[in-house]
Amino acid sequence: MRKAIGFTTLPLILAGALAGCSLPAEPQDDLGQVTMADSQLNDAYTYFAITADVRRCAFPTCGGWFLSRVNKTTTQCHDGRYASSCYTPVLDWSQAFLSDEQQGQLLEACSRDTASGGVYGVVRGSFARTNSTTPRPGMGRSVISEAWITDADALSDGVFVKIKDNGLRCFTSPCPSLTETTLNNSRVTDIAAIDFTPSGMSDHEIAELMQTTTTTEGVMVAGYRYTVRENGTTALGRTATTGYYCLTPTLPPE
């Protein structure tokens, strides 16, 4: 049985505001920052899957993190070269305004089951050409402006999108009351439901995620399109193999 969630009448009541996730994707930097491949100041761009580096060699050559653009096959690294993923020895949190505990949540997420190939942490931000905290400053660093994590155990699969409530309310279903934006692409489509069945998430976890569709940032999911058929009508839907929520900044910008 599908756990397909959509809206037909009243909007959900927001349990917690996440508006603070919307910070500049490309902060200025005096150490020679370059953007992460997509330079548009757009809500859909500069999103990256992040995983911990578990190779065994001396830091900073190993022991950092790998970042790769979601929905893309290549990523532009700190030195301007393209690769399937880019290594960074340093995460610069100065633009994220997250507490130590929240930073730890992201680090824990990107260390989960690294051999599985699943994505448990997603960040938004940019690369800088140098760092000032390792013996190899030329290896650069990653400047983070947003951090997203999942509590789901299912392996992420499919296209990464952000989904928001668009305010439409209908008398019958299916109702295209959700708008999804494909990350690092900016393709925008109205959909009628999110099917969380593949994620294995509980009803409580799904309800909490759906509440975030009414926030500025919305909910992030990885999944596939499917067709919703109800009351003799069809509409587009999105399966969710994994759902992500944004870590809300708790430290105010200076």
Protein backbone atom coordinates (compact mmCIF):
# COMPACT_ATOMS: atom_id res chain seq x y z
CA MET A 1 0.00 0.00 0.00
CA ARG A 2 1.38 3.37 -1.05
CA LYS A 3 2.07 6.05 1.54
CA ALA A 4 1.19 8.77 -0.95
CA ILE A 5 0.81 12.17 0.66
CA GLY A 6 -0.67 15.28 -0.95
CA PHE A 7 -2.99 18.19 -0.16
CA THR A 8 -6.61 18.70 -1.12
CA THR A 9 -8.07 21.10 1.48
CA LEU A 10 -6.34 22.77 4.41
CA PRO A 11 -2.57 23.42 4.60
CA LEU A 12 -0.46 21.69 7.21
CA ILE A 13 0.41 23.58 10.38
CA LEU A 14 4.13 24.26 10.48
CA ALA A 15 5.82 22.61 13.44
CA GLY A 16 9.20 24.29 13.08
CA ALA A 17 10.48 27.09 10.86
CA LEU A 18 13.36 26.33 8.51
CA ALA A 19 13.58 29.69 6.80
CA GLY A 20 17.13 30.13 8.06
CA CYS A 21 18.40 27.54 5.58
CA SER A 22 18.16 30.07 2.78
CA LEU A 23 21.60 31.65 2.95
CA PRO A 24 23.89 32.89 0.15
CA ALA A 25 25.19 29.95 -1.86
CA GLU A 26 28.34 31.81 -2.90
CA PRO A 27 29.88 33.79 -0.02
CA GLN A 28 32.78 36.11 -0.75
CA ASP A 29 36.17 34.75 0.22
CA ASP A 30 39.60 36.32 0.42
CA LEU A 31 41.41 33.03 -0.20
CA GLY A 32 40.39 32.69 -3.84
CA GLN A 33 36.97 31.06 -3.85
CA VAL A 34 35.59 29.44 -6.99
CA THR A 35 32.00 28.34 -7.37
CA MET A 36 30.94 24.70 -7.43
CA ALA A 37 30.25 24.37 -11.17
CA ASP A 38 26.81 26.05 -11.24
CA SER A 39 27.31 29.76 -10.66
CA GLN A 40 23.66 30.87 -10.90
CA LEU A 41 22.30 32.43 -7.74
CA ASN A 42 19.33 30.11 -7.92
CA ASP A 43 17.48 28.19 -5.26
CA ALA A 44 18.06 24.93 -7.16
CA TYR A 45 21.82 25.07 -7.66
CA THR A 46 25.06 24.21 -5.82
CA TYR A 47 23.77 21.10 -4.03
CA PHE A 48 26.15 18.22 -3.36
CA ALA A 49 26.06 14.75 -1.89
CA ILE A 50 28.73 14.44 0.80
CA THR A 51 30.39 11.29 2.11
CA ALA A 52 33.29 10.75 4.50
CA ASP A 53 36.65 9.60 3.13
CA VAL A 54 37.53 6.32 4.81
CA ARG A 55 40.83 5.73 2.98
CA ARG A 56 43.81 4.95 5.20
CA CYS A 57 46.58 7.45 4.57
CA ALA A 58 47.99 10.56 6.20
CA PHE A 59 45.80 13.65 6.60
CA PRO A 60 45.17 15.91 4.73
CA THR A 61 45.61 13.64 1.71
CA CYS A 62 42.99 11.31 3.21
CA GLY A 63 40.45 11.57 5.99
CA GLY A 64 38.39 14.43 4.58
CA TRP A 65 35.22 14.27 2.49
CA PHE A 66 34.07 13.64 -1.07
CA LEU A 67 31.46 15.89 -2.66
CA SER A 68 29.57 15.32 -5.90
CA ARG A 69 26.83 17.35 -7.56
CA VAL A 70 23.47 15.65 -7.19
CA ASN A 71 21.76 14.78 -10.49
CA LYS A 72 25.03 15.36 -12.36
CA THR A 73 27.86 13.06 -13.48
CA THR A 74 30.69 15.58 -12.97
CA THR A 75 31.70 18.13 -10.35
CA GLN A 76 34.06 21.10 -10.68
CA CYS A 77 36.67 20.88 -7.93
CA HIS A 78 38.54 23.61 -6.05
CA ASP A 79 41.28 23.75 -8.70
CA GLY A 80 38.82 24.13 -11.59
CA ARG A 81 39.14 20.56 -12.83
CA TYR A 82 36.12 18.30 -13.30
CA ALA A 83 35.73 14.85 -11.74
CA SER A 84 32.96 12.47 -10.73
CA SER A 85 33.53 13.66 -7.15
CA CYS A 86 35.88 16.12 -5.47
CA TYR A 87 37.95 15.57 -2.35
CA THR A 88 38.22 18.26 0.32
CA PRO A 89 40.23 18.06 3.54
CA VAL A 90 38.36 20.94 5.23
CA LEU A 91 34.73 21.85 5.77
CA ASP A 92 34.32 25.60 6.34
CA TRP A 93 31.19 26.20 8.44
CA SER A 94 31.50 29.99 8.60
CA GLN A 95 28.55 30.58 6.24
CA ALA A 96 26.24 27.90 7.69
CA PHE A 97 25.77 29.31 11.22
CA LEU A 98 25.15 25.83 12.63
CA SER A 99 25.89 24.79 16.19
CA ASP A 100 28.58 22.23 16.98
CA GLU A 101 25.83 19.69 17.61
CA GLN A 102 24.27 20.33 14.21
CA GLN A 103 27.64 20.13 12.50
CA GLY A 104 28.08 16.79 14.23
CA GLN A 105 24.73 15.62 12.83
CA LEU A 106 25.90 16.30 9.29
CA LEU A 107 29.27 14.62 9.90
CA GLU A 108 27.51 11.58 11.33
CA ALA A 109 25.18 11.45 8.32
CA CYS A 110 27.98 11.55 5.76
CA SER A 111 29.83 8.80 7.65
CA ARG A 112 26.87 6.37 7.59
CA ASP A 113 27.52 3.19 5.63
CA THR A 114 29.95 4.77 3.16
CA ALA A 115 30.32 1.46 1.33
CA SER A 116 26.61 1.36 0.42
CA GLY A 117 26.75 4.22 -2.06
CA GLY A 118 23.74 5.83 -0.42
CA VAL A 119 23.45 9.56 0.23
CA TYR A 120 22.67 10.45 3.84
CA GLY A 121 23.95 14.02 3.79
CA VAL A 122 23.56 16.84 1.26
CA VAL A 123 25.21 20.25 1.43
CA ARG A 124 24.94 23.48 -0.48
CA GLY A 125 27.90 25.78 -0.93
CA SER A 126 31.11 26.38 -2.85
CA PHE A 127 34.76 25.39 -3.07
CA ALA A 128 37.61 27.68 -2.08
CA ARG A 129 41.04 27.28 -3.69
CA THR A 130 43.00 27.26 -0.44
CA ASN A 131 42.71 26.51 3.25
CA SER A 132 44.59 27.87 6.25
CA THR A 133 44.19 24.94 8.63
CA THR A 134 46.23 22.11 7.05
CA PRO A 135 49.86 21.66 5.94
CA ARG A 136 48.55 21.56 2.34
CA PRO A 137 46.68 24.86 1.78
CA GLY A 138 46.54 24.21 -1.98
CA MET A 139 44.11 21.33 -1.42
CA GLY A 140 41.37 23.88 -0.81
CA ARG A 141 38.26 23.63 1.31
CA SER A 142 34.48 23.37 1.00
CA VAL A 143 32.43 26.35 2.20
CA ILE A 144 29.01 25.17 3.42
CA SER A 145 25.90 27.36 3.46
CA GLU A 146 23.22 24.67 3.99
CA ALA A 147 23.19 21.13 5.40
CA TRP A 148 20.50 18.46 4.86
CA ILE A 149 20.30 15.02 6.45
CA THR A 150 18.02 11.99 6.45
CA ASP A 151 16.97 9.65 9.25
CA ALA A 152 15.81 7.00 6.77
CA ASP A 153 17.72 3.73 6.45
CA ALA A 154 16.71 2.98 2.84
CA LEU A 155 19.29 3.40 0.09
CA SER A 156 18.76 6.69 -1.75
CA ASP A 157 17.96 6.29 -5.42
CA GLY A 158 16.56 8.50 -8.15
CA VAL A 159 16.46 12.19 -8.94
CA PHE A 160 17.02 14.74 -6.15
CA VAL A 161 14.31 17.40 -5.94
CA LYS A 162 13.03 20.00 -3.48
CA ILE A 163 9.27 20.06 -2.99
CA LYS A 164 7.13 22.87 -1.60
CA ASP A 165 3.43 23.43 -1.00
CA ASN A 166 2.23 25.80 -3.74
CA GLY A 167 -0.99 26.78 -1.95
CA LEU A 168 -3.41 25.15 -4.38
CA ARG A 169 -6.41 23.47 -2.72
CA CYS A 170 -8.86 21.24 -4.58
CA PHE A 171 -12.28 19.74 -3.85
CA THR A 172 -11.18 16.32 -5.16
CA SER A 173 -7.93 14.46 -5.67
CA PRO A 174 -5.52 14.25 -7.34
CA CYS A 175 -4.62 17.86 -6.64
CA PRO A 176 -1.30 19.30 -7.97
CA SER A 177 -0.72 21.25 -4.75
CA LEU A 178 3.01 20.59 -4.58
CA THR A 179 5.74 22.09 -6.74
CA GLU A 180 9.03 20.24 -7.22
CA THR A 181 12.28 21.74 -8.43
CA THR A 182 15.00 19.46 -9.76
CA LEU A 183 18.29 20.26 -8.03
CA ASN A 184 21.18 21.53 -10.14
CA ASN A 185 18.75 21.76 -13.04
CA SER A 186 15.90 24.14 -12.10
CA ARG A 187 13.23 22.10 -13.87
CA VAL A 188 9.94 22.93 -12.13
CA THR A 189 6.83 20.70 -12.13
CA ASP A 190 3.58 20.60 -10.17
CA ILE A 191 2.79 17.22 -8.61
CA ALA A 192 -0.11 15.79 -6.65
CA ALA A 193 1.57 13.46 -4.13
CA ILE A 194 4.78 12.07 -2.67
CA ASP A 195 4.88 8.29 -2.24
CA PHE A 196 7.18 7.49 0.70
CA THR A 197 6.66 3.71 0.51
CA PRO A 198 10.18 2.97 -0.88
CA SER A 199 11.79 4.91 1.98
CA GLY A 200 10.47 2.62 4.70
CA MET A 201 9.87 5.69 6.86
CA SER A 202 7.26 5.62 9.63
CA ASP A 203 4.02 7.60 9.45
CA HIS A 204 5.38 9.95 12.11
CA GLU A 205 8.60 10.58 10.17
CA ILE A 206 6.62 11.18 6.98
CA ALA A 207 4.27 13.62 8.71
CA GLU A 208 7.21 15.62 10.07
CA LEU A 209 8.78 15.82 6.62
CA MET A 210 5.51 16.85 4.99
CA GLN A 211 5.19 19.72 7.44
CA THR A 212 8.38 21.19 5.99
CA THR A 213 6.77 21.52 2.53
CA THR A 214 5.16 24.72 3.83
CA THR A 215 8.51 26.29 4.74
CA THR A 216 10.77 28.45 2.59
CA GLU A 217 13.11 25.55 1.87
CA GLY A 218 10.58 22.75 1.59
CA VAL A 219 11.48 19.07 1.74
CA MET A 220 14.20 17.33 -0.27
CA VAL A 221 13.64 13.83 -1.62
CA ALA A 222 15.36 11.41 -3.97
CA GLY A 223 13.00 9.36 -6.10
CA TYR A 224 11.16 8.86 -9.37
CA ARG A 225 8.08 10.15 -11.14
CA TYR A 226 4.92 8.08 -11.17
CA THR A 227 1.31 8.60 -12.22
CA VAL A 228 -1.40 9.27 -9.65
CA ARG A 229 -4.81 7.93 -10.72
CA GLU A 230 -7.81 8.94 -8.63
CA ASN A 231 -11.46 9.80 -9.36
CA GLY A 232 -11.00 9.16 -13.06
CA THR A 233 -8.18 11.72 -13.29
CA THR A 234 -4.41 11.42 -13.54
CA ALA A 235 -1.62 13.65 -12.24
CA LEU A 236 2.11 13.42 -11.65
CA GLY A 237 3.57 12.17 -8.38
CA ARG A 238 7.06 11.57 -6.96
CA THR A 239 8.23 8.45 -5.17
CA ALA A 240 10.66 9.05 -2.30
CA THR A 241 13.39 6.52 -1.66
CA THR A 242 14.78 8.96 0.93
CA GLY A 243 13.57 12.21 2.46
CA TYR A 244 15.88 14.95 3.81
CA TYR A 245 15.33 17.87 6.15
CA CYS A 246 17.37 21.04 6.46
CA LEU A 247 19.35 21.72 9.62
CA THR A 248 18.07 25.06 10.84
CA PRO A 249 20.79 27.57 11.75
CA THR A 250 20.76 28.33 15.47
CA LEU A 251 23.61 30.86 15.51
CA PRO A 252 22.64 34.28 14.10
CA PRO A 253 24.81 35.80 11.33
CA GLU A 254 27.26 38.36 12.67
